[in-house]
């Protein structure tokens, strides 16, 4: 068990904590909040370590790795944790994907990341009025949308990502045409 030192400290004080918690509800509530933050921190650290050291391609593998390390959780929790950590799927090789953590990057780095995800995942771009629709490989729309959001283009009001489709909302039709042309140019360079 990777984090057994944390569990041992907890077990040493278990009897004392148990008595305090169940005789005073306010203390129990505070204890529960502290332990929730504590376990979340450990889980996030472990997820970072697993993703950086192993080629994990889906959330079931992450759940199994966490379980092997002594942490029980759910797929929904893993999904929220992956969003907190800015984790995206990238193509490791044709037909195989893996998780990778996106670090904070400069605009130039974000443009490079955008080119990379367009190369790996984007299939088609269409637009109308002030909306751009981007079709991706199944399961990868969120990865592309995260990078588009992180670009911080003021004319882009927001993105909505499904499984394989992204809706990009732009403030005006004129700006939509410019952004659409930028996206198409990136897509054509990667093909």
C-alpha atoms as a PDB file:
ATOM      1  CA  UNK A   1       0.000   0.000   0.000  1.00  0.00           C
ATOM      2  CA  UNK A   2       1.614   3.242  -1.179  1.00  0.00           C
ATOM      3  CA  UNK A   3       0.207   5.608   1.443  1.00  0.00           C
ATOM      4  CA  UNK A   4       0.130   3.289   4.455  1.00  0.00           C
ATOM      5  CA  UNK A   5       1.900   5.896   6.632  1.00  0.00           C
ATOM      6  CA  UNK A   6      -1.209   8.081   6.458  1.00  0.00           C
ATOM      7  CA  UNK A   7      -3.470   5.190   7.410  1.00  0.00           C
ATOM      8  CA  UNK A   8      -1.211   4.190  10.337  1.00  0.00           C
ATOM      9  CA  UNK A   9      -1.361   7.692  11.832  1.00  0.00           C
ATOM     10  CA  UNK A  10      -5.109   7.630  11.463  1.00  0.00           C
ATOM     11  CA  UNK A  11      -5.398   4.180  13.049  1.00  0.00           C
ATOM     12  CA  UNK A  12      -3.243   5.183  16.039  1.00  0.00           C
ATOM     13  CA  UNK A  13      -5.658   7.939  16.981  1.00  0.00           C
ATOM     14  CA  UNK A  14      -8.785   6.087  15.901  1.00  0.00           C
ATOM     15  CA  UNK A  15     -10.100   5.302  19.381  1.00  0.00           C
ATOM     16  CA  UNK A  16      -9.680   8.879  20.629  1.00  0.00           C
ATOM     17  CA  UNK A  17     -11.165  10.379  17.468  1.00  0.00           C
ATOM     18  CA  UNK A  18     -14.057   7.927  17.495  1.00  0.00           C
ATOM     19  CA  UNK A  19     -15.047   8.918  21.027  1.00  0.00           C
ATOM     20  CA  UNK A  20     -14.874  12.640  20.264  1.00  0.00           C
ATOM     21  CA  UNK A  21     -16.702  12.410  16.960  1.00  0.00           C
ATOM     22  CA  UNK A  22     -19.696  10.469  18.095  1.00  0.00           C
ATOM     23  CA  UNK A  23     -20.220  12.355  21.313  1.00  0.00           C
ATOM     24  CA  UNK A  24     -19.945  15.799  19.684  1.00  0.00           C
ATOM     25  CA  UNK A  25     -21.572  16.119  16.218  1.00  0.00           C
ATOM     26  CA  UNK A  26     -19.845  19.425  15.376  1.00  0.00           C
ATOM     27  CA  UNK A  27     -16.456  17.803  15.806  1.00  0.00           C
ATOM     28  CA  UNK A  28     -17.555  14.874  13.613  1.00  0.00           C
ATOM     29  CA  UNK A  29     -18.554  17.275  10.840  1.00  0.00           C
ATOM     30  CA  UNK A  30     -15.210  19.133  11.018  1.00  0.00           C
ATOM     31  CA  UNK A  31     -13.343  15.832  11.068  1.00  0.00           C
ATOM     32  CA  UNK A  32     -15.238  14.604   8.010  1.00  0.00           C
ATOM     33  CA  UNK A  33     -14.404  17.813   6.110  1.00  0.00           C
ATOM     34  CA  UNK A  34     -10.713  17.601   7.022  1.00  0.00           C
ATOM     35  CA  UNK A  35     -10.471  13.915   6.056  1.00  0.00           C
ATOM     36  CA  UNK A  36     -12.266  14.578   2.760  1.00  0.00           C
ATOM     37  CA  UNK A  37      -9.729  17.277   1.841  1.00  0.00           C
ATOM     38  CA  UNK A  38      -6.900  15.030   2.995  1.00  0.00           C
ATOM     39  CA  UNK A  39      -7.992  12.011   0.956  1.00  0.00           C
ATOM     40  CA  UNK A  40      -8.643  14.197  -2.085  1.00  0.00           C
ATOM     41  CA  UNK A  41      -5.111  15.583  -1.894  1.00  0.00           C
ATOM     42  CA  UNK A  42      -3.620  12.094  -1.629  1.00  0.00           C
ATOM     43  CA  UNK A  43      -5.791  10.812  -4.498  1.00  0.00           C
ATOM     44  CA  UNK A  44      -4.794  13.733  -6.767  1.00  0.00           C
ATOM     45  CA  UNK A  45      -1.085  13.237  -6.008  1.00  0.00           C
ATOM     46  CA  UNK A  46      -1.375   9.538  -6.725  1.00  0.00           C
ATOM     47  CA  UNK A  47      -3.275  10.168  -9.969  1.00  0.00           C
ATOM     48  CA  UNK A  48      -0.521  12.542 -11.131  1.00  0.00           C
ATOM     49  CA  UNK A  49       2.083   9.907 -10.339  1.00  0.00           C
ATOM     50  CA  UNK A  50       0.181   7.120 -12.116  1.00  0.00           C
ATOM     51  CA  UNK A  51      -0.456   9.226 -15.224  1.00  0.00           C
ATOM     52  CA  UNK A  52       3.146  10.395 -15.457  1.00  0.00           C
ATOM     53  CA  UNK A  53       4.693   6.948 -14.874  1.00  0.00           C
ATOM     54  CA  UNK A  54       2.303   4.601 -16.695  1.00  0.00           C
ATOM     55  CA  UNK A  55       0.561   4.655 -20.044  1.00  0.00           C
ATOM     56  CA  UNK A  56      -3.011   4.666 -18.771  1.00  0.00           C
ATOM     57  CA  UNK A  57      -5.664   4.825 -21.464  1.00  0.00           C
ATOM     58  CA  UNK A  58      -8.978   4.784 -19.582  1.00  0.00           C
ATOM     59  CA  UNK A  59     -10.599   5.498 -16.242  1.00  0.00           C
ATOM     60  CA  UNK A  60     -11.057   1.815 -15.399  1.00  0.00           C
ATOM     61  CA  UNK A  61      -7.283   1.378 -15.478  1.00  0.00           C
ATOM     62  CA  UNK A  62      -6.936   4.418 -13.205  1.00  0.00           C
ATOM     63  CA  UNK A  63      -9.500   2.948 -10.786  1.00  0.00           C
ATOM     64  CA  UNK A  64      -7.574  -0.343 -10.695  1.00  0.00           C
ATOM     65  CA  UNK A  65      -4.238   1.425 -10.114  1.00  0.00           C
ATOM     66  CA  UNK A  66      -5.753   3.450  -7.272  1.00  0.00           C
ATOM     67  CA  UNK A  67      -7.279   0.307  -5.787  1.00  0.00           C
ATOM     68  CA  UNK A  68      -3.887  -1.431  -5.941  1.00  0.00           C
ATOM     69  CA  UNK A  69      -2.501   1.538  -3.978  1.00  0.00           C
ATOM     70  CA  UNK A  70      -5.207   1.200  -1.331  1.00  0.00           C
ATOM     71  CA  UNK A  71      -7.558   3.975  -2.439  1.00  0.00           C
ATOM     72  CA  UNK A  72     -11.178   3.060  -3.163  1.00  0.00           C
ATOM     73  CA  UNK A  73     -13.134   5.563  -5.264  1.00  0.00           C
ATOM     74  CA  UNK A  74     -15.686   5.778  -8.070  1.00  0.00           C
ATOM     75  CA  UNK A  75     -15.454   6.501 -11.777  1.00  0.00           C
ATOM     76  CA  UNK A  76     -17.363   9.762 -11.294  1.00  0.00           C
ATOM     77  CA  UNK A  77     -14.784  10.939  -8.746  1.00  0.00           C
ATOM     78  CA  UNK A  78     -11.957  10.002 -11.123  1.00  0.00           C
ATOM     79  CA  UNK A  79     -13.646  11.993 -13.881  1.00  0.00           C
ATOM     80  CA  UNK A  80     -13.844  15.107 -11.677  1.00  0.00           C
ATOM     81  CA  UNK A  81     -10.243  14.620 -10.559  1.00  0.00           C
ATOM     82  CA  UNK A  82      -9.064  14.400 -14.181  1.00  0.00           C
ATOM     83  CA  UNK A  83     -10.735  17.742 -14.902  1.00  0.00           C
ATOM     84  CA  UNK A  84      -9.092  19.335 -11.836  1.00  0.00           C
ATOM     85  CA  UNK A  85      -5.691  18.082 -12.998  1.00  0.00           C
ATOM     86  CA  UNK A  86      -6.231  19.268 -16.623  1.00  0.00           C
ATOM     87  CA  UNK A  87      -5.775  15.749 -17.953  1.00  0.00           C
ATOM     88  CA  UNK A  88      -6.426  15.057 -21.636  1.00  0.00           C
ATOM     89  CA  UNK A  89      -6.156  12.001 -23.846  1.00  0.00           C
ATOM     90  CA  UNK A  90      -3.430  12.058 -26.471  1.00  0.00           C
ATOM     91  CA  UNK A  91      -2.613   9.545 -29.156  1.00  0.00           C
ATOM     92  CA  UNK A  92       0.352   7.410 -28.107  1.00  0.00           C
ATOM     93  CA  UNK A  93       0.395   5.584 -31.429  1.00  0.00           C
ATOM     94  CA  UNK A  94      -2.201   4.912 -34.132  1.00  0.00           C
ATOM     95  CA  UNK A  95      -5.245   3.421 -32.438  1.00  0.00           C
ATOM     96  CA  UNK A  96      -3.856   3.777 -28.881  1.00  0.00           C
ATOM     97  CA  UNK A  97      -4.424   6.671 -26.520  1.00  0.00           C
ATOM     98  CA  UNK A  98      -3.103   7.634 -23.107  1.00  0.00           C
ATOM     99  CA  UNK A  99      -3.785  10.272 -20.479  1.00  0.00           C
ATOM    100  CA  UNK A 100      -1.459  13.247 -20.158  1.00  0.00           C
ATOM    101  CA  UNK A 101      -1.499  16.209 -17.782  1.00  0.00           C
ATOM    102  CA  UNK A 102      -1.558  19.605 -19.477  1.00  0.00           C
ATOM    103  CA  UNK A 103       0.779  21.932 -17.648  1.00  0.00           C
ATOM    104  CA  UNK A 104       0.239  25.688 -17.606  1.00  0.00           C
ATOM    105  CA  UNK A 105       1.637  26.963 -20.843  1.00  0.00           C
ATOM    106  CA  UNK A 106       2.362  30.162 -22.707  1.00  0.00           C
ATOM    107  CA  UNK A 107       0.191  31.134 -25.664  1.00  0.00           C
ATOM    108  CA  UNK A 108       2.809  29.724 -28.053  1.00  0.00           C
ATOM    109  CA  UNK A 109       2.791  26.416 -26.206  1.00  0.00           C
ATOM    110  CA  UNK A 110      -1.006  26.389 -26.221  1.00  0.00           C
ATOM    111  CA  UNK A 111      -0.988  26.947 -30.003  1.00  0.00           C
ATOM    112  CA  UNK A 112       1.402  23.982 -30.319  1.00  0.00           C
ATOM    113  CA  UNK A 113      -0.910  21.897 -28.126  1.00  0.00           C
ATOM    114  CA  UNK A 114      -3.873  22.992 -30.243  1.00  0.00           C
ATOM    115  CA  UNK A 115      -2.029  21.849 -33.389  1.00  0.00           C
ATOM    116  CA  UNK A 116      -1.248  18.529 -31.704  1.00  0.00           C
ATOM    117  CA  UNK A 117      -4.845  17.812 -30.630  1.00  0.00           C
ATOM    118  CA  UNK A 118      -6.150  18.950 -34.034  1.00  0.00           C
ATOM    119  CA  UNK A 119      -3.674  16.526 -35.632  1.00  0.00           C
ATOM    120  CA  UNK A 120      -4.687  13.696 -33.317  1.00  0.00           C
ATOM    121  CA  UNK A 121      -8.422  14.169 -32.904  1.00  0.00           C
ATOM    122  CA  UNK A 122     -10.169  16.736 -35.137  1.00  0.00           C
ATOM    123  CA  UNK A 123     -11.984  15.363 -38.178  1.00  0.00           C
ATOM    124  CA  UNK A 124     -14.113  18.248 -39.435  1.00  0.00           C
ATOM    125  CA  UNK A 125     -14.960  21.914 -38.857  1.00  0.00           C
ATOM    126  CA  UNK A 126     -18.244  23.556 -39.886  1.00  0.00           C
ATOM    127  CA  UNK A 127     -19.767  26.914 -38.998  1.00  0.00           C
ATOM    128  CA  UNK A 128     -22.879  29.046 -39.224  1.00  0.00           C
ATOM    129  CA  UNK A 129     -23.765  32.489 -37.870  1.00  0.00           C
ATOM    130  CA  UNK A 130     -21.641  32.874 -34.710  1.00  0.00           C
ATOM    131  CA  UNK A 131     -21.232  29.129 -34.043  1.00  0.00           C
ATOM    132  CA  UNK A 132     -18.419  26.751 -34.976  1.00  0.00           C
ATOM    133  CA  UNK A 133     -18.932  22.990 -34.762  1.00  0.00           C
ATOM    134  CA  UNK A 134     -15.822  20.833 -34.467  1.00  0.00           C
ATOM    135  CA  UNK A 135     -16.116  17.058 -34.947  1.00  0.00           C
ATOM    136  CA  UNK A 136     -13.511  14.926 -33.202  1.00  0.00           C
ATOM    137  CA  UNK A 137     -12.678  11.263 -32.737  1.00  0.00           C
ATOM    138  CA  UNK A 138     -15.062   9.674 -30.193  1.00  0.00           C
ATOM    139  CA  UNK A 139     -14.221  10.520 -26.582  1.00  0.00           C
ATOM    140  CA  UNK A 140     -11.869  13.394 -27.412  1.00  0.00           C
ATOM    141  CA  UNK A 141     -14.036  16.496 -27.732  1.00  0.00           C
ATOM    142  CA  UNK A 142     -13.315  17.556 -24.147  1.00  0.00           C
ATOM    143  CA  UNK A 143      -9.532  17.411 -24.694  1.00  0.00           C
ATOM    144  CA  UNK A 144      -9.762  19.759 -27.663  1.00  0.00           C
ATOM    145  CA  UNK A 145     -12.274  22.075 -25.961  1.00  0.00           C
ATOM    146  CA  UNK A 146     -10.052  22.455 -22.888  1.00  0.00           C
ATOM    147  CA  UNK A 147      -7.204  23.781 -25.025  1.00  0.00           C
ATOM    148  CA  UNK A 148      -9.512  26.109 -26.982  1.00  0.00           C
ATOM    149  CA  UNK A 149     -10.783  27.486 -23.651  1.00  0.00           C
ATOM    150  CA  UNK A 150      -7.246  27.863 -22.285  1.00  0.00           C
ATOM    151  CA  UNK A 151      -6.232  29.953 -25.305  1.00  0.00           C
ATOM    152  CA  UNK A 152      -8.278  32.756 -23.777  1.00  0.00           C
ATOM    153  CA  UNK A 153      -9.417  34.234 -27.087  1.00  0.00           C
ATOM    154  CA  UNK A 154     -11.723  37.079 -25.984  1.00  0.00           C
ATOM    155  CA  UNK A 155     -14.010  36.652 -29.011  1.00  0.00           C
ATOM    156  CA  UNK A 156     -14.793  33.051 -28.000  1.00  0.00           C
ATOM    157  CA  UNK A 157     -17.613  33.249 -25.475  1.00  0.00           C
ATOM    158  CA  UNK A 158     -17.364  29.572 -24.557  1.00  0.00           C
ATOM    159  CA  UNK A 159     -17.269  25.967 -25.658  1.00  0.00           C
ATOM    160  CA  UNK A 160     -19.547  23.016 -25.022  1.00  0.00           C
ATOM    161  CA  UNK A 161     -18.043  19.555 -25.510  1.00  0.00           C
ATOM    162  CA  UNK A 162     -19.872  16.285 -25.911  1.00  0.00           C
ATOM    163  CA  UNK A 163     -18.310  12.951 -26.751  1.00  0.00           C
ATOM    164  CA  UNK A 164     -17.219  13.758 -30.296  1.00  0.00           C
ATOM    165  CA  UNK A 165     -18.551  17.256 -30.966  1.00  0.00           C
ATOM    166  CA  UNK A 166     -17.578  20.724 -29.752  1.00  0.00           C
ATOM    167  CA  UNK A 167     -19.760  23.796 -30.078  1.00  0.00           C
ATOM    168  CA  UNK A 168     -17.699  26.999 -30.042  1.00  0.00           C
ATOM    169  CA  UNK A 169     -19.762  30.166 -29.467  1.00  0.00           C
ATOM    170  CA  UNK A 170     -18.172  33.330 -30.886  1.00  0.00           C
ATOM    171  CA  UNK A 171     -19.338  36.894 -30.142  1.00  0.00           C
ATOM    172  CA  UNK A 172     -19.927  38.023 -33.781  1.00  0.00           C
ATOM    173  CA  UNK A 173     -20.221  36.500 -37.230  1.00  0.00           C
ATOM    174  CA  UNK A 174     -17.167  38.470 -38.408  1.00  0.00           C
ATOM    175  CA  UNK A 175     -15.012  37.099 -35.572  1.00  0.00           C
ATOM    176  CA  UNK A 176     -16.443  33.620 -36.168  1.00  0.00           C
ATOM    177  CA  UNK A 177     -15.182  33.698 -39.762  1.00  0.00           C
ATOM    178  CA  UNK A 178     -11.691  34.714 -38.640  1.00  0.00           C
ATOM    179  CA  UNK A 179     -11.513  32.045 -35.905  1.00  0.00           C
ATOM    180  CA  UNK A 180     -12.989  29.407 -38.220  1.00  0.00           C
ATOM    181  CA  UNK A 181     -10.313  30.215 -40.820  1.00  0.00           C
ATOM    182  CA  UNK A 182      -7.597  29.899 -38.142  1.00  0.00           C
ATOM    183  CA  UNK A 183      -8.960  26.512 -37.082  1.00  0.00           C
ATOM    184  CA  UNK A 184      -9.231  25.306 -40.692  1.00  0.00           C
ATOM    185  CA  UNK A 185      -5.664  26.450 -41.403  1.00  0.00           C
ATOM    186  CA  UNK A 186      -4.414  24.492 -38.370  1.00  0.00           C
ATOM    187  CA  UNK A 187      -6.404  21.421 -39.456  1.00  0.00           C
ATOM    188  CA  UNK A 188      -5.131  21.592 -43.053  1.00  0.00           C
ATOM    189  CA  UNK A 189      -1.496  21.908 -41.904  1.00  0.00           C
ATOM    190  CA  UNK A 190      -1.880  18.764 -39.804  1.00  0.00           C
ATOM    191  CA  UNK A 191      -3.390  16.651 -42.581  1.00  0.00           C
END
